[in-house]
C-alpha atoms as a PDB file:
ATOM      1  CA  UNK A   1      -0.316   0.299   0.150  1.00  0.00           C
ATOM      2  CA  UNK A   2       1.170   3.241  -1.364  1.00  0.00           C
ATOM      3  CA  UNK A   3       1.898   6.017   1.710  1.00  0.00           C
ATOM      4  CA  UNK A   4      -0.243   8.923   1.492  1.00  0.00           C
ATOM      5  CA  UNK A   5       1.316  12.195   1.282  1.00  0.00           C
ATOM      6  CA  UNK A   6       0.203  15.803   2.824  1.00  0.00           C
ATOM      7  CA  UNK A   7       1.222  19.267   2.298  1.00  0.00           C
ATOM      8  CA  UNK A   8       0.305  22.156   4.764  1.00  0.00           C
ATOM      9  CA  UNK A   9      -1.368  25.009   3.109  1.00  0.00           C
ATOM     10  CA  UNK A  10      -0.479  28.399   5.041  1.00  0.00           C
ATOM     11  CA  UNK A  11      -2.877  30.423   3.618  1.00  0.00           C
ATOM     12  CA  UNK A  12      -6.007  27.668   4.388  1.00  0.00           C
ATOM     13  CA  UNK A  13      -4.380  26.922   7.644  1.00  0.00           C
ATOM     14  CA  UNK A  14      -4.745  23.325   6.286  1.00  0.00           C
ATOM     15  CA  UNK A  15      -3.338  20.034   4.568  1.00  0.00           C
ATOM     16  CA  UNK A  16      -4.183  19.222   1.567  1.00  0.00           C
ATOM     17  CA  UNK A  17      -3.624  15.704  -0.031  1.00  0.00           C
ATOM     18  CA  UNK A  18      -0.845  15.242  -2.541  1.00  0.00           C
ATOM     19  CA  UNK A  19      -1.848  13.888  -6.040  1.00  0.00           C
ATOM     20  CA  UNK A  20       0.860  12.975  -8.615  1.00  0.00           C
ATOM     21  CA  UNK A  21       0.616  13.098 -12.195  1.00  0.00           C
ATOM     22  CA  UNK A  22       1.297  10.009 -14.366  1.00  0.00           C
ATOM     23  CA  UNK A  23       4.544  11.373 -15.499  1.00  0.00           C
ATOM     24  CA  UNK A  24       5.753  12.247 -12.099  1.00  0.00           C
ATOM     25  CA  UNK A  25       4.891   8.880 -11.159  1.00  0.00           C
ATOM     26  CA  UNK A  26       7.317   7.028 -13.767  1.00  0.00           C
ATOM     27  CA  UNK A  27      10.151   9.636 -13.282  1.00  0.00           C
ATOM     28  CA  UNK A  28      10.045   9.084  -9.164  1.00  0.00           C
ATOM     29  CA  UNK A  29      10.268   5.410 -10.191  1.00  0.00           C
ATOM     30  CA  UNK A  30      12.946   5.642 -12.765  1.00  0.00           C
ATOM     31  CA  UNK A  31      14.892   7.689 -10.312  1.00  0.00           C
ATOM     32  CA  UNK A  32      14.920   5.172  -7.520  1.00  0.00           C
ATOM     33  CA  UNK A  33      15.327   2.319  -9.693  1.00  0.00           C
ATOM     34  CA  UNK A  34      18.896   3.980 -11.085  1.00  0.00           C
ATOM     35  CA  UNK A  35      19.523   4.741  -7.466  1.00  0.00           C
ATOM     36  CA  UNK A  36      18.809   1.036  -6.613  1.00  0.00           C
ATOM     37  CA  UNK A  37      21.347  -0.337  -9.654  1.00  0.00           C
ATOM     38  CA  UNK A  38      24.049   2.093  -9.042  1.00  0.00           C
ATOM     39  CA  UNK A  39      24.193   0.980  -5.043  1.00  0.00           C
ATOM     40  CA  UNK A  40      24.182  -2.928  -6.702  1.00  0.00           C
ATOM     41  CA  UNK A  41      27.013  -2.290  -9.011  1.00  0.00           C
ATOM     42  CA  UNK A  42      28.915  -0.600  -6.660  1.00  0.00           C
ATOM     43  CA  UNK A  43      28.312  -3.584  -3.780  1.00  0.00           C
ATOM     44  CA  UNK A  44      29.004  -6.252  -6.468  1.00  0.00           C
ATOM     45  CA  UNK A  45      32.511  -4.374  -7.357  1.00  0.00           C
ATOM     46  CA  UNK A  46      33.267  -3.998  -3.893  1.00  0.00           C
ATOM     47  CA  UNK A  47      32.777  -7.733  -3.412  1.00  0.00           C
ATOM     48  CA  UNK A  48      34.810  -8.679  -6.447  1.00  0.00           C
ATOM     49  CA  UNK A  49      37.584  -7.277  -4.657  1.00  0.00           C
ATOM     50  CA  UNK A  50      37.756  -8.818  -1.639  1.00  0.00           C
ATOM     51  CA  UNK A  51      36.604 -12.337  -2.866  1.00  0.00           C
ATOM     52  CA  UNK A  52      37.686 -14.491  -6.012  1.00  0.00           C
ATOM     53  CA  UNK A  53      35.039 -16.290  -8.108  1.00  0.00           C
ATOM     54  CA  UNK A  54      36.177 -19.794  -9.014  1.00  0.00           C
ATOM     55  CA  UNK A  55      36.475 -18.487 -12.630  1.00  0.00           C
ATOM     56  CA  UNK A  56      38.696 -16.259 -11.313  1.00  0.00           C
ATOM     57  CA  UNK A  57      40.702 -18.474  -9.507  1.00  0.00           C
ATOM     58  CA  UNK A  58      40.660 -21.162 -12.284  1.00  0.00           C
ATOM     59  CA  UNK A  59      42.161 -18.369 -14.863  1.00  0.00           C
ATOM     60  CA  UNK A  60      44.975 -17.002 -12.340  1.00  0.00           C
ATOM     61  CA  UNK A  61      46.130 -20.718 -12.334  1.00  0.00           C
ATOM     62  CA  UNK A  62      45.930 -20.758 -15.947  1.00  0.00           C
ATOM     63  CA  UNK A  63      48.101 -17.971 -16.195  1.00  0.00           C
ATOM     64  CA  UNK A  64      50.643 -19.029 -13.900  1.00  0.00           C
ATOM     65  CA  UNK A  65      50.840 -21.946 -15.599  1.00  0.00           C
ATOM     66  CA  UNK A  66      51.133 -20.294 -19.038  1.00  0.00           C
ATOM     67  CA  UNK A  67      54.204 -17.952 -17.556  1.00  0.00           C
ATOM     68  CA  UNK A  68      56.108 -21.341 -16.619  1.00  0.00           C
ATOM     69  CA  UNK A  69      55.760 -22.976 -20.137  1.00  0.00           C
ATOM     70  CA  UNK A  70      56.927 -19.517 -21.823  1.00  0.00           C
ATOM     71  CA  UNK A  71      60.018 -19.786 -19.062  1.00  0.00           C
ATOM     72  CA  UNK A  72      60.284 -23.651 -20.022  1.00  0.00           C
ATOM     73  CA  UNK A  73      59.821 -22.530 -23.966  1.00  0.00           C
ATOM     74  CA  UNK A  74      62.544 -19.666 -23.585  1.00  0.00           C
ATOM     75  CA  UNK A  75      64.871 -22.193 -21.834  1.00  0.00           C
ATOM     76  CA  UNK A  76      64.472 -25.261 -24.979  1.00  0.00           C
ATOM     77  CA  UNK A  77      65.077 -22.274 -27.484  1.00  0.00           C
ATOM     78  CA  UNK A  78      68.231 -21.223 -25.766  1.00  0.00           C
ATOM     79  CA  UNK A  79      69.203 -24.709 -26.032  1.00  0.00           C
ATOM     80  CA  UNK A  80      68.386 -25.048 -29.557  1.00  0.00           C
ATOM     81  CA  UNK A  81      70.273 -22.133 -30.053  1.00  0.00           C
ATOM     82  CA  UNK A  82      73.301 -23.646 -28.808  1.00  0.00           C
ATOM     83  CA  UNK A  83      72.944 -26.892 -30.942  1.00  0.00           C
ATOM     84  CA  UNK A  84      72.615 -24.630 -34.019  1.00  0.00           C
ATOM     85  CA  UNK A  85      75.586 -22.842 -33.157  1.00  0.00           C
ATOM     86  CA  UNK A  86      77.517 -26.183 -32.311  1.00  0.00           C
ATOM     87  CA  UNK A  87      76.472 -27.109 -35.942  1.00  0.00           C
ATOM     88  CA  UNK A  88      77.673 -24.105 -37.420  1.00  0.00           C
ATOM     89  CA  UNK A  89      80.881 -24.759 -36.102  1.00  0.00           C
ATOM     90  CA  UNK A  90      80.948 -28.363 -37.616  1.00  0.00           C
ATOM     91  CA  UNK A  91      79.748 -26.733 -40.923  1.00  0.00           C
ATOM     92  CA  UNK A  92      83.058 -24.487 -40.759  1.00  0.00           C
ATOM     93  CA  UNK A  93      85.369 -27.350 -40.085  1.00  0.00           C
ATOM     94  CA  UNK A  94      83.840 -29.300 -42.854  1.00  0.00           C
ATOM     95  CA  UNK A  95      84.557 -26.352 -45.234  1.00  0.00           C
ATOM     96  CA  UNK A  96      87.885 -25.369 -44.161  1.00  0.00           C
ATOM     97  CA  UNK A  97      89.302 -29.194 -43.361  1.00  0.00           C
ATOM     98  CA  UNK A  98      87.602 -31.224 -46.124  1.00  0.00           C
ATOM     99  CA  UNK A  99      86.517 -28.786 -49.125  1.00  0.00           C
ATOM    100  CA  UNK A 100      89.714 -26.485 -48.313  1.00  0.00           C
ATOM    101  CA  UNK A 101      87.372 -23.440 -48.544  1.00  0.00           C
ATOM    102  CA  UNK A 102      85.985 -20.620 -46.383  1.00  0.00           C
ATOM    103  CA  UNK A 103      82.825 -21.191 -45.030  1.00  0.00           C
ATOM    104  CA  UNK A 104      79.582 -19.421 -46.006  1.00  0.00           C
ATOM    105  CA  UNK A 105      78.705 -16.418 -43.798  1.00  0.00           C
ATOM    106  CA  UNK A 106      75.870 -16.800 -41.200  1.00  0.00           C
ATOM    107  CA  UNK A 107      72.793 -15.149 -42.650  1.00  0.00           C
ATOM    108  CA  UNK A 108      71.438 -11.947 -41.301  1.00  0.00           C
ATOM    109  CA  UNK A 109      68.386 -12.831 -39.149  1.00  0.00           C
ATOM    110  CA  UNK A 110      65.612 -10.166 -40.076  1.00  0.00           C
ATOM    111  CA  UNK A 111      64.515  -7.839 -36.629  1.00  0.00           C
ATOM    112  CA  UNK A 112      60.770  -8.652 -36.359  1.00  0.00           C
ATOM    113  CA  UNK A 113      58.038  -6.499 -35.026  1.00  0.00           C
ATOM    114  CA  UNK A 114      55.715  -7.684 -31.863  1.00  0.00           C
ATOM    115  CA  UNK A 115      53.935  -4.581 -31.240  1.00  0.00           C
ATOM    116  CA  UNK A 116      50.656  -6.693 -31.785  1.00  0.00           C
ATOM    117  CA  UNK A 117      51.717  -8.690 -28.555  1.00  0.00           C
ATOM    118  CA  UNK A 118      51.908  -5.743 -26.075  1.00  0.00           C
ATOM    119  CA  UNK A 119      48.060  -5.469 -25.198  1.00  0.00           C
ATOM    120  CA  UNK A 120      48.865  -9.172 -23.552  1.00  0.00           C
ATOM    121  CA  UNK A 121      49.679  -9.575 -19.891  1.00  0.00           C
ATOM    122  CA  UNK A 122      53.520 -10.779 -19.594  1.00  0.00           C
ATOM    123  CA  UNK A 123      53.576  -9.106 -22.944  1.00  0.00           C
ATOM    124  CA  UNK A 124      57.569  -9.069 -22.717  1.00  0.00           C
ATOM    125  CA  UNK A 125      58.114 -12.905 -21.949  1.00  0.00           C
ATOM    126  CA  UNK A 126      55.463 -13.755 -24.831  1.00  0.00           C
ATOM    127  CA  UNK A 127      57.879 -11.345 -26.981  1.00  0.00           C
ATOM    128  CA  UNK A 128      60.984 -12.641 -25.910  1.00  0.00           C
ATOM    129  CA  UNK A 129      59.997 -16.364 -26.766  1.00  0.00           C
ATOM    130  CA  UNK A 130      58.453 -15.418 -30.026  1.00  0.00           C
ATOM    131  CA  UNK A 131      61.388 -13.525 -31.119  1.00  0.00           C
ATOM    132  CA  UNK A 132      63.810 -16.451 -30.082  1.00  0.00           C
ATOM    133  CA  UNK A 133      61.738 -19.194 -31.514  1.00  0.00           C
ATOM    134  CA  UNK A 134      61.668 -17.099 -34.806  1.00  0.00           C
ATOM    135  CA  UNK A 135      65.594 -16.699 -34.888  1.00  0.00           C
ATOM    136  CA  UNK A 136      65.916 -20.284 -34.329  1.00  0.00           C
ATOM    137  CA  UNK A 137      63.470 -21.083 -37.477  1.00  0.00           C
ATOM    138  CA  UNK A 138      65.430 -18.537 -39.659  1.00  0.00           C
ATOM    139  CA  UNK A 139      68.501 -20.197 -38.656  1.00  0.00           C
ATOM    140  CA  UNK A 140      67.131 -23.950 -39.521  1.00  0.00           C
ATOM    141  CA  UNK A 141      65.973 -22.524 -42.565  1.00  0.00           C
ATOM    142  CA  UNK A 142      69.570 -21.011 -43.903  1.00  0.00           C
ATOM    143  CA  UNK A 143      70.893 -24.319 -42.834  1.00  0.00           C
ATOM    144  CA  UNK A 144      68.911 -25.905 -45.851  1.00  0.00           C
ATOM    145  CA  UNK A 145      70.711 -23.892 -47.956  1.00  0.00           C
ATOM    146  CA  UNK A 146      74.123 -24.534 -46.243  1.00  0.00           C
ATOM    147  CA  UNK A 147      73.388 -28.144 -46.688  1.00  0.00           C
ATOM    148  CA  UNK A 148      72.795 -27.919 -50.372  1.00  0.00           C
ATOM    149  CA  UNK A 149      76.009 -26.017 -50.750  1.00  0.00           C
ATOM    150  CA  UNK A 150      77.879 -28.681 -49.074  1.00  0.00           C
ATOM    151  CA  UNK A 151      75.873 -31.671 -51.009  1.00  0.00           C
ATOM    152  CA  UNK A 152      77.225 -29.301 -54.471  1.00  0.00           C
ATOM    153  CA  UNK A 153      80.766 -28.787 -52.717  1.00  0.00           C
ATOM    154  CA  UNK A 154      80.780 -32.814 -52.169  1.00  0.00           C
ATOM    155  CA  UNK A 155      79.889 -33.771 -55.675  1.00  0.00           C
ATOM    156  CA  UNK A 156      82.337 -31.266 -56.766  1.00  0.00           C
ATOM    157  CA  UNK A 157      85.190 -32.639 -54.814  1.00  0.00           C
ATOM    158  CA  UNK A 158      84.342 -36.421 -55.597  1.00  0.00           C
ATOM    159  CA  UNK A 159      84.660 -35.631 -59.010  1.00  0.00           C
ATOM    160  CA  UNK A 160      88.028 -33.891 -58.488  1.00  0.00           C
ATOM    161  CA  UNK A 161      89.506 -36.620 -56.687  1.00  0.00           C
ATOM    162  CA  UNK A 162      88.313 -38.773 -59.268  1.00  0.00           C
ATOM    163  CA  UNK A 163      90.234 -36.713 -61.883  1.00  0.00           C
ATOM    164  CA  UNK A 164      93.386 -36.062 -60.135  1.00  0.00           C
ATOM    165  CA  UNK A 165      96.336 -38.727 -61.039  1.00  0.00           C
ATOM    166  CA  UNK A 166      96.458 -41.198 -58.021  1.00  0.00           C
ATOM    167  CA  UNK A 167      97.604 -44.426 -59.068  1.00  0.00           C
ATOM    168  CA  UNK A 168     100.396 -46.414 -60.107  1.00  0.00           C
ATOM    169  CA  UNK A 169     100.359 -46.668 -64.138  1.00  0.00           C
ATOM    170  CA  UNK A 170     101.282 -50.134 -64.437  1.00  0.00           C
ATOM    171  CA  UNK A 171     100.556 -53.129 -62.559  1.00  0.00           C
ATOM    172  CA  UNK A 172     102.359 -52.048 -59.209  1.00  0.00           C
ATOM    173  CA  UNK A 173     102.724 -55.888 -57.629  1.00  0.00           C
ATOM    174  CA  UNK A 174     106.296 -56.365 -59.416  1.00  0.00           C
ATOM    175  CA  UNK A 175     107.134 -52.720 -61.005  1.00  0.00           C
ATOM    176  CA  UNK A 176     107.900 -50.521 -58.231  1.00  0.00           C
ATOM    177  CA  UNK A 177     111.167 -52.706 -57.680  1.00  0.00           C
ATOM    178  CA  UNK A 178     111.786 -51.956 -61.694  1.00  0.00           C
ATOM    179  CA  UNK A 179     111.648 -48.342 -61.459  1.00  0.00           C
ATOM    180  CA  UNK A 180     114.703 -47.028 -63.353  1.00  0.00           C
ATOM    181  CA  UNK A 181     114.767 -43.198 -62.949  1.00  0.00           C
ATOM    182  CA  UNK A 182     113.289 -41.091 -60.780  1.00  0.00           C
ATOM    183  CA  UNK A 183     112.307 -37.618 -61.094  1.00  0.00           C
ATOM    184  CA  UNK A 184     114.858 -34.870 -60.920  1.00  0.00           C
ATOM    185  CA  UNK A 185     118.531 -34.531 -62.434  1.00  0.00           C
ATOM    186  CA  UNK A 186     119.704 -37.878 -63.873  1.00  0.00           C
ATOM    187  CA  UNK A 187     122.393 -38.735 -66.176  1.00  0.00           C
ATOM    188  CA  UNK A 188     121.098 -39.074 -70.075  1.00  0.00           C
ATOM    189  CA  UNK A 189     121.654 -42.780 -71.285  1.00  0.00           C
ATOM    190  CA  UNK A 190     122.751 -41.642 -74.410  1.00  0.00           C
ATOM    191  CA  UNK A 191     124.562 -38.042 -74.389  1.00  0.00           C
ATOM    192  CA  UNK A 192     125.528 -38.923 -70.531  1.00  0.00           C
ATOM    193  CA  UNK A 193     125.030 -35.642 -69.580  1.00  0.00           C
ATOM    194  CA  UNK A 194     123.495 -34.400 -66.169  1.00  0.00           C
ATOM    195  CA  UNK A 195     120.143 -33.618 -67.390  1.00  0.00           C
ATOM    196  CA  UNK A 196     116.741 -32.621 -65.766  1.00  0.00           C
ATOM    197  CA  UNK A 197     114.203 -36.055 -65.802  1.00  0.00           C
ATOM    198  CA  UNK A 198     110.891 -34.743 -65.750  1.00  0.00           C
ATOM    199  CA  UNK A 199     109.141 -37.969 -65.169  1.00  0.00           C
ATOM    200  CA  UNK A 200     109.697 -41.266 -63.752  1.00  0.00           C
ATOM    201  CA  UNK A 201     110.870 -44.228 -65.530  1.00  0.00           C
ATOM    202  CA  UNK A 202     109.012 -47.436 -64.934  1.00  0.00           C
ATOM    203  CA  UNK A 203     110.900 -50.680 -66.311  1.00  0.00           C
ATOM    204  CA  UNK A 204     108.227 -53.453 -67.358  1.00  0.00           C
ATOM    205  CA  UNK A 205     108.253 -56.159 -70.150  1.00  0.00           C
ATOM    206  CA  UNK A 206     106.891 -54.797 -73.840  1.00  0.00           C
ATOM    207  CA  UNK A 207     102.975 -55.736 -73.711  1.00  0.00           C
ATOM    208  CA  UNK A 208     102.991 -54.608 -70.211  1.00  0.00           C
ATOM    209  CA  UNK A 209      99.547 -52.930 -69.729  1.00  0.00           C
ATOM    210  CA  UNK A 210      99.438 -48.994 -68.820  1.00  0.00           C
ATOM    211  CA  UNK A 211      96.628 -47.428 -67.086  1.00  0.00           C
ATOM    212  CA  UNK A 212      95.366 -44.126 -67.031  1.00  0.00           C
ATOM    213  CA  UNK A 213      95.988 -42.838 -63.549  1.00  0.00           C
ATOM    214  CA  UNK A 214      92.604 -40.573 -63.424  1.00  0.00           C
ATOM    215  CA  UNK A 215      89.437 -39.631 -64.754  1.00  0.00           C
ATOM    216  CA  UNK A 216      89.934 -37.674 -68.021  1.00  0.00           C
ATOM    217  CA  UNK A 217      89.698 -37.269 -71.897  1.00  0.00           C
ATOM    218  CA  UNK A 218      92.326 -38.414 -74.043  1.00  0.00           C
ATOM    219  CA  UNK A 219      93.983 -35.193 -75.543  1.00  0.00           C
ATOM    220  CA  UNK A 220      96.218 -36.490 -78.045  1.00  0.00           C
ATOM    221  CA  UNK A 221      98.112 -39.520 -79.134  1.00  0.00           C
ATOM    222  CA  UNK A 222     101.007 -38.998 -80.875  1.00  0.00           C
ATOM    223  CA  UNK A 223     104.431 -40.815 -82.670  1.00  0.00           C
ATOM    224  CA  UNK A 224     107.945 -38.942 -82.657  1.00  0.00           C
ATOM    225  CA  UNK A 225     109.661 -41.731 -83.768  1.00  0.00           C
ATOM    226  CA  UNK A 226     113.209 -39.819 -82.984  1.00  0.00           C
ATOM    227  CA  UNK A 227     112.551 -38.575 -79.613  1.00  0.00           C
ATOM    228  CA  UNK A 228     109.572 -39.575 -77.156  1.00  0.00           C
ATOM    229  CA  UNK A 229     107.884 -42.582 -79.432  1.00  0.00           C
ATOM    230  CA  UNK A 230     104.368 -43.233 -79.063  1.00  0.00           C
ATOM    231  CA  UNK A 231     102.826 -40.818 -76.523  1.00  0.00           C
ATOM    232  CA  UNK A 232      99.343 -40.430 -75.122  1.00  0.00           C
ATOM    233  CA  UNK A 233      98.276 -36.992 -73.140  1.00  0.00           C
ATOM    234  CA  UNK A 234      95.315 -37.478 -70.692  1.00  0.00           C
ATOM    235  CA  UNK A 235      93.372 -33.940 -69.685  1.00  0.00           C
ATOM    236  CA  UNK A 236      92.273 -34.892 -66.465  1.00  0.00           C
ATOM    237  CA  UNK A 237      90.821 -31.219 -65.712  1.00  0.00           C
ATOM    238  CA  UNK A 238      91.805 -29.002 -62.481  1.00  0.00           C
ATOM    239  CA  UNK A 239      95.015 -28.243 -64.238  1.00  0.00           C
ATOM    240  CA  UNK A 240      96.192 -31.532 -64.582  1.00  0.00           C
ATOM    241  CA  UNK A 241      97.611 -33.400 -67.105  1.00  0.00           C
ATOM    242  CA  UNK A 242      99.530 -36.682 -67.464  1.00  0.00           C
ATOM    243  CA  UNK A 243     101.708 -38.206 -70.415  1.00  0.00           C
ATOM    244  CA  UNK A 244     102.465 -41.602 -71.279  1.00  0.00           C
ATOM    245  CA  UNK A 245     105.736 -42.033 -73.498  1.00  0.00           C
ATOM    246  CA  UNK A 246     107.458 -44.838 -75.314  1.00  0.00           C
ATOM    247  CA  UNK A 247     104.461 -46.913 -75.457  1.00  0.00           C
ATOM    248  CA  UNK A 248     104.166 -49.992 -77.933  1.00  0.00           C
ATOM    249  CA  UNK A 249     100.712 -49.853 -78.312  1.00  0.00           C
ATOM    250  CA  UNK A 250      98.011 -46.815 -78.147  1.00  0.00           C
ATOM    251  CA  UNK A 251      94.453 -48.143 -77.188  1.00  0.00           C
ATOM    252  CA  UNK A 252      92.838 -44.673 -77.304  1.00  0.00           C
ATOM    253  CA  UNK A 253      91.863 -42.210 -79.601  1.00  0.00           C
ATOM    254  CA  UNK A 254      91.861 -38.506 -79.144  1.00  0.00           C
ATOM    255  CA  UNK A 255      88.551 -37.186 -77.469  1.00  0.00           C
ATOM    256  CA  UNK A 256      88.008 -40.547 -75.783  1.00  0.00           C
ATOM    257  CA  UNK A 257      86.579 -40.096 -72.247  1.00  0.00           C
ATOM    258  CA  UNK A 258      88.726 -42.342 -69.915  1.00  0.00           C
ATOM    259  CA  UNK A 259      88.249 -43.768 -66.559  1.00  0.00           C
ATOM    260  CA  UNK A 260      90.889 -44.439 -63.782  1.00  0.00           C
ATOM    261  CA  UNK A 261      92.288 -47.837 -64.023  1.00  0.00           C
ATOM    262  CA  UNK A 262      91.155 -47.967 -67.804  1.00  0.00           C
ATOM    263  CA  UNK A 263      93.997 -49.846 -70.175  1.00  0.00           C
ATOM    264  CA  UNK A 264      95.218 -46.873 -72.496  1.00  0.00           C
ATOM    265  CA  UNK A 265      98.165 -48.805 -74.083  1.00  0.00           C
ATOM    266  CA  UNK A 266     101.113 -50.974 -73.661  1.00  0.00           C
ATOM    267  CA  UNK A 267     104.720 -50.338 -72.636  1.00  0.00           C
ATOM    268  CA  UNK A 268     107.199 -50.580 -75.467  1.00  0.00           C
ATOM    269  CA  UNK A 269     110.691 -49.177 -76.486  1.00  0.00           C
ATOM    270  CA  UNK A 270     109.780 -46.621 -78.960  1.00  0.00           C
ATOM    271  CA  UNK A 271     111.595 -43.567 -79.930  1.00  0.00           C
ATOM    272  CA  UNK A 272     114.815 -42.943 -78.225  1.00  0.00           C
ATOM    273  CA  UNK A 273     114.879 -45.459 -75.474  1.00  0.00           C
ATOM    274  CA  UNK A 274     117.549 -48.093 -74.201  1.00  0.00           C
ATOM    275  CA  UNK A 275     114.893 -50.786 -73.211  1.00  0.00           C
ATOM    276  CA  UNK A 276     111.302 -51.205 -72.946  1.00  0.00           C
ATOM    277  CA  UNK A 277     109.743 -48.855 -69.854  1.00  0.00           C
ATOM    278  CA  UNK A 278     107.248 -46.507 -69.293  1.00  0.00           C
ATOM    279  CA  UNK A 279     108.306 -42.708 -69.215  1.00  0.00           C
ATOM    280  CA  UNK A 280     105.387 -41.183 -66.933  1.00  0.00           C
ATOM    281  CA  UNK A 281     104.966 -37.498 -66.290  1.00  0.00           C
ATOM    282  CA  UNK A 282     102.111 -35.552 -64.276  1.00  0.00           C
ATOM    283  CA  UNK A 283     101.684 -31.780 -65.158  1.00  0.00           C
ATOM    284  CA  UNK A 284      99.977 -29.334 -62.911  1.00  0.00           C
ATOM    285  CA  UNK A 285      99.019 -26.265 -64.584  1.00  0.00           C
ATOM    286  CA  UNK A 286     101.527 -26.797 -67.027  1.00  0.00           C
ATOM    287  CA  UNK A 287     104.244 -27.641 -65.141  1.00  0.00           C
ATOM    288  CA  UNK A 288     105.780 -30.903 -64.445  1.00  0.00           C
ATOM    289  CA  UNK A 289     105.422 -32.067 -60.843  1.00  0.00           C
ATOM    290  CA  UNK A 290     107.270 -35.615 -59.465  1.00  0.00           C
ATOM    291  CA  UNK A 291     104.778 -38.203 -59.879  1.00  0.00           C
ATOM    292  CA  UNK A 292     105.798 -39.916 -56.986  1.00  0.00           C
ATOM    293  CA  UNK A 293     103.383 -37.764 -54.909  1.00  0.00           C
ATOM    294  CA  UNK A 294     100.774 -39.144 -56.696  1.00  0.00           C
ATOM    295  CA  UNK A 295     100.469 -42.436 -56.050  1.00  0.00           C
ATOM    296  CA  UNK A 296      98.511 -42.000 -52.516  1.00  0.00           C
ATOM    297  CA  UNK A 297      95.392 -44.094 -53.458  1.00  0.00           C
ATOM    298  CA  UNK A 298      97.336 -47.128 -54.761  1.00  0.00           C
ATOM    299  CA  UNK A 299     100.011 -47.774 -52.529  1.00  0.00           C
ATOM    300  CA  UNK A 300     100.676 -49.173 -49.122  1.00  0.00           C
ATOM    301  CA  UNK A 301     102.901 -47.619 -47.206  1.00  0.00           C
ATOM    302  CA  UNK A 302     105.823 -50.095 -47.523  1.00  0.00           C
ATOM    303  CA  UNK A 303     105.508 -49.997 -51.358  1.00  0.00           C
ATOM    304  CA  UNK A 304     105.300 -46.086 -51.120  1.00  0.00           C
ATOM    305  CA  UNK A 305     108.724 -46.255 -48.839  1.00  0.00           C
ATOM    306  CA  UNK A 306     110.283 -48.551 -51.379  1.00  0.00           C
ATOM    307  CA  UNK A 307     109.377 -46.616 -54.179  1.00  0.00           C
ATOM    308  CA  UNK A 308     111.099 -43.254 -52.906  1.00  0.00           C
ATOM    309  CA  UNK A 309     114.094 -45.492 -52.495  1.00  0.00           C
ATOM    310  CA  UNK A 310     114.084 -46.934 -55.909  1.00  0.00           C
ATOM    311  CA  UNK A 311     113.417 -43.524 -57.338  1.00  0.00           C
ATOM    312  CA  UNK A 312     116.418 -41.731 -55.643  1.00  0.00           C
ATOM    313  CA  UNK A 313     118.808 -44.347 -55.970  1.00  0.00           C
ATOM    314  CA  UNK A 314     119.250 -44.576 -59.808  1.00  0.00           C
ATOM    315  CA  UNK A 315     121.440 -42.029 -61.718  1.00  0.00           C
ATOM    316  CA  UNK A 316     120.807 -42.686 -65.131  1.00  0.00           C
ATOM    317  CA  UNK A 317     117.392 -42.522 -67.117  1.00  0.00           C
ATOM    318  CA  UNK A 318     116.229 -44.533 -69.776  1.00  0.00           C
ATOM    319  CA  UNK A 319     115.127 -42.158 -72.205  1.00  0.00           C
END
């Protein structure tokens, strides 16, 4: 039941009943309702500051767990960075020690912006983890290019090693002991004067097979009856050539591709020769080198030692 209100009329000296219009009643109702709502909101806000709801407690626990996971992620990424640094060091050693070239420089990591993360709580922690992870991913991607280069260099080095002269040009079972003359100054068998001997003479029976000492292309097959006899020259690429002189027969033709170990001719005594033998030379960038340094893929340490002794003791060449 609503209260009845009265007002005192001083002129009449009497109390008159107050009657409100419909608009005044609605206004009064709305005003009271608004005050009640404001009071209720203030009460709820105050209670929320004092007491936590179950949802807020769960959210806080989840936030703590999230922070822990980000800290753990940072530690894992740091471990990945250390592993990548170790891989980089191994790569550098591969380039320097195996390929003999300077390693590729470490690619520059792009600077990324993490402004969109600033609206989150613990934004610094999230941005740090994101930056480290992005850095690791960029370095991993760059490693794919590095390993492609390693594969390419390996393929090039495989071709290079197959081309470089590396075996004895005749059967090494008995021929090492038959080295008649080594590289260096030797007495010429005809002129009896000291002359530079630019190869090594290997005494062998006529008809003994002569082998290509590395992959390459036959540059020329020539015949010089009064000097070098029948001669085969193989161009191995990479600045290397090998020369086989005084052959009895040539079993290859100019332009033919040969593989290390292919039979290219037979030992003979053609040209200016005093006995059946093979005169073998190694050229590097148009300069002769001691062939004794190019048998590493074919001789045992004992055979190599015997070869050095045999080539150094002889004082007269066969041609």
